[in-house]
Amino acid sequence: LFLARYGRAWREQRRFSLSTLRNFGLGRKSLEQWVTEEASCLCAAFAEQAGRPFGPGALLNKAVSNVISSLTYGRRFEYDDPRLLQLLELTQQALKQDSGFLRE
């Protein structure tokens, strides 16, 4: 260990390595933390239904989209945010379009 070189080149490589690891998520919230946080928001949205019957599909789509948004953009959207609603609409339209390999 005392023969190891901890000079300028080593410090630069260490700085680069740590910077790269941070860009890949080191030191950020884990996937589990994002999912847990979104699950709390989803439970609150379910509670707002106050016992009335409702289809959970739309809320589940919003929750899944928010987990993906949190991982990719570092932020989530409120369930009534027009940007989230537009993103979900565009995704649904893209999935409905005729696709050659999905038809069969």
Protein backbone atom coordinates (compact mmCIF):
# COMPACT_ATOMS: atom_id res chain seq x y z
CA LEU A 1 0.00 0.00 0.00
CA PHE A 2 2.83 2.40 0.77
CA LEU A 3 4.17 1.82 -2.76
CA ALA A 4 0.90 2.94 -4.36
CA ARG A 5 1.03 6.16 -6.34
CA TYR A 6 -1.47 8.74 -5.14
CA GLY A 7 -0.26 11.57 -7.30
CA ARG A 8 -1.99 14.01 -9.62
CA ALA A 9 -3.00 11.36 -12.18
CA TRP A 10 -4.57 9.21 -9.47
CA ARG A 11 -6.55 12.17 -8.09
CA GLU A 12 -7.82 13.03 -11.59
CA GLN A 13 -8.85 9.43 -12.24
CA ARG A 14 -10.57 9.25 -8.86
CA ARG A 15 -12.45 12.51 -9.51
CA PHE A 16 -13.51 11.27 -12.97
CA SER A 17 -14.62 7.89 -11.59
CA LEU A 18 -16.71 9.43 -8.81
CA SER A 19 -18.26 11.91 -11.22
CA THR A 20 -19.16 9.13 -13.64
CA LEU A 21 -20.63 6.96 -10.87
CA ARG A 22 -22.74 9.87 -9.63
CA ASN A 23 -24.06 10.37 -13.16
CA PHE A 24 -25.15 6.72 -13.12
CA GLY A 25 -27.01 7.14 -9.84
CA LEU A 26 -24.51 6.67 -7.02
CA GLY A 27 -25.63 8.79 -4.11
CA ARG A 28 -29.13 9.27 -5.51
CA LYS A 29 -32.37 7.68 -4.47
CA SER A 30 -32.66 4.00 -5.21
CA LEU A 31 -35.41 2.54 -7.35
CA GLU A 32 -37.06 1.24 -4.19
CA GLN A 33 -37.18 4.75 -2.72
CA TRP A 34 -38.77 6.15 -5.91
CA VAL A 35 -41.36 3.36 -5.95
CA THR A 36 -42.15 3.77 -2.24
CA GLU A 37 -42.58 7.52 -2.63
CA GLU A 38 -44.88 7.05 -5.62
CA ALA A 39 -46.86 4.33 -3.83
CA SER A 40 -47.66 6.86 -1.10
CA CYS A 41 -48.99 9.28 -3.71
CA LEU A 42 -50.99 6.48 -5.33
CA CYS A 43 -52.54 5.49 -1.98
CA ALA A 44 -53.51 9.12 -1.39
CA ALA A 45 -55.14 9.26 -4.83
CA PHE A 46 -57.05 6.06 -4.04
CA ALA A 47 -58.18 7.54 -0.71
CA GLU A 48 -59.51 10.62 -2.54
CA GLN A 49 -62.09 8.37 -4.19
CA ALA A 50 -63.75 8.15 -0.75
CA GLY A 51 -65.17 4.68 -1.22
CA ARG A 52 -66.71 5.40 -4.62
CA PRO A 53 -66.15 2.74 -7.28
CA PHE A 54 -63.49 3.66 -9.84
CA GLY A 55 -61.20 2.02 -12.35
CA PRO A 56 -57.64 2.06 -11.00
CA GLY A 57 -56.01 1.67 -14.44
CA ALA A 58 -55.53 5.39 -15.13
CA LEU A 59 -54.03 6.03 -11.69
CA LEU A 60 -51.74 3.01 -12.00
CA ASN A 61 -50.54 4.25 -15.41
CA LYS A 62 -49.78 7.65 -13.90
CA ALA A 63 -47.90 6.06 -11.01
CA VAL A 64 -45.77 3.87 -13.29
CA SER A 65 -45.08 6.87 -15.55
CA ASN A 66 -44.02 8.88 -12.53
CA VAL A 67 -41.54 6.23 -11.40
CA ILE A 68 -40.02 6.22 -14.89
CA SER A 69 -40.00 10.04 -14.96
CA SER A 70 -38.34 10.15 -11.56
CA LEU A 71 -35.59 7.84 -12.74
CA THR A 72 -35.01 9.57 -16.07
CA TYR A 73 -35.78 13.23 -15.31
CA GLY A 74 -35.28 13.31 -11.55
CA ARG A 75 -38.82 14.58 -10.92
CA ARG A 76 -42.39 13.38 -10.75
CA PHE A 77 -45.60 14.96 -12.03
CA GLU A 78 -48.83 15.56 -10.15
CA TYR A 79 -51.54 13.24 -11.43
CA ASP A 80 -53.50 16.17 -12.89
CA ASP A 81 -50.46 17.82 -14.54
CA PRO A 82 -51.31 18.51 -18.22
CA ARG A 83 -47.81 17.44 -19.30
CA LEU A 84 -48.23 14.01 -17.70
CA LEU A 85 -51.70 13.63 -19.21
CA GLN A 86 -50.38 14.56 -22.65
CA LEU A 87 -47.46 12.15 -22.32
CA LEU A 88 -49.82 9.32 -21.40
CA GLU A 89 -52.15 10.19 -24.28
CA LEU A 90 -49.28 10.20 -26.78
CA THR A 91 -48.01 6.89 -25.43
CA GLN A 92 -51.46 5.35 -25.74
CA GLN A 93 -51.82 6.62 -29.33
CA ALA A 94 -48.43 5.20 -30.26
CA LEU A 95 -49.36 1.80 -28.83
CA LYS A 96 -52.69 1.77 -30.70
CA GLN A 97 -51.15 2.43 -34.11
CA ASP A 98 -50.90 -0.46 -36.49
CA SER A 99 -47.54 -2.08 -36.14
CA GLY A 100 -46.52 -4.86 -38.50
CA PHE A 101 -44.85 -7.16 -36.02
CA LEU A 102 -47.43 -6.65 -33.25
CA ARG A 103 -50.49 -7.56 -35.33
CA GLU A 104 -50.01 -11.32 -35.13
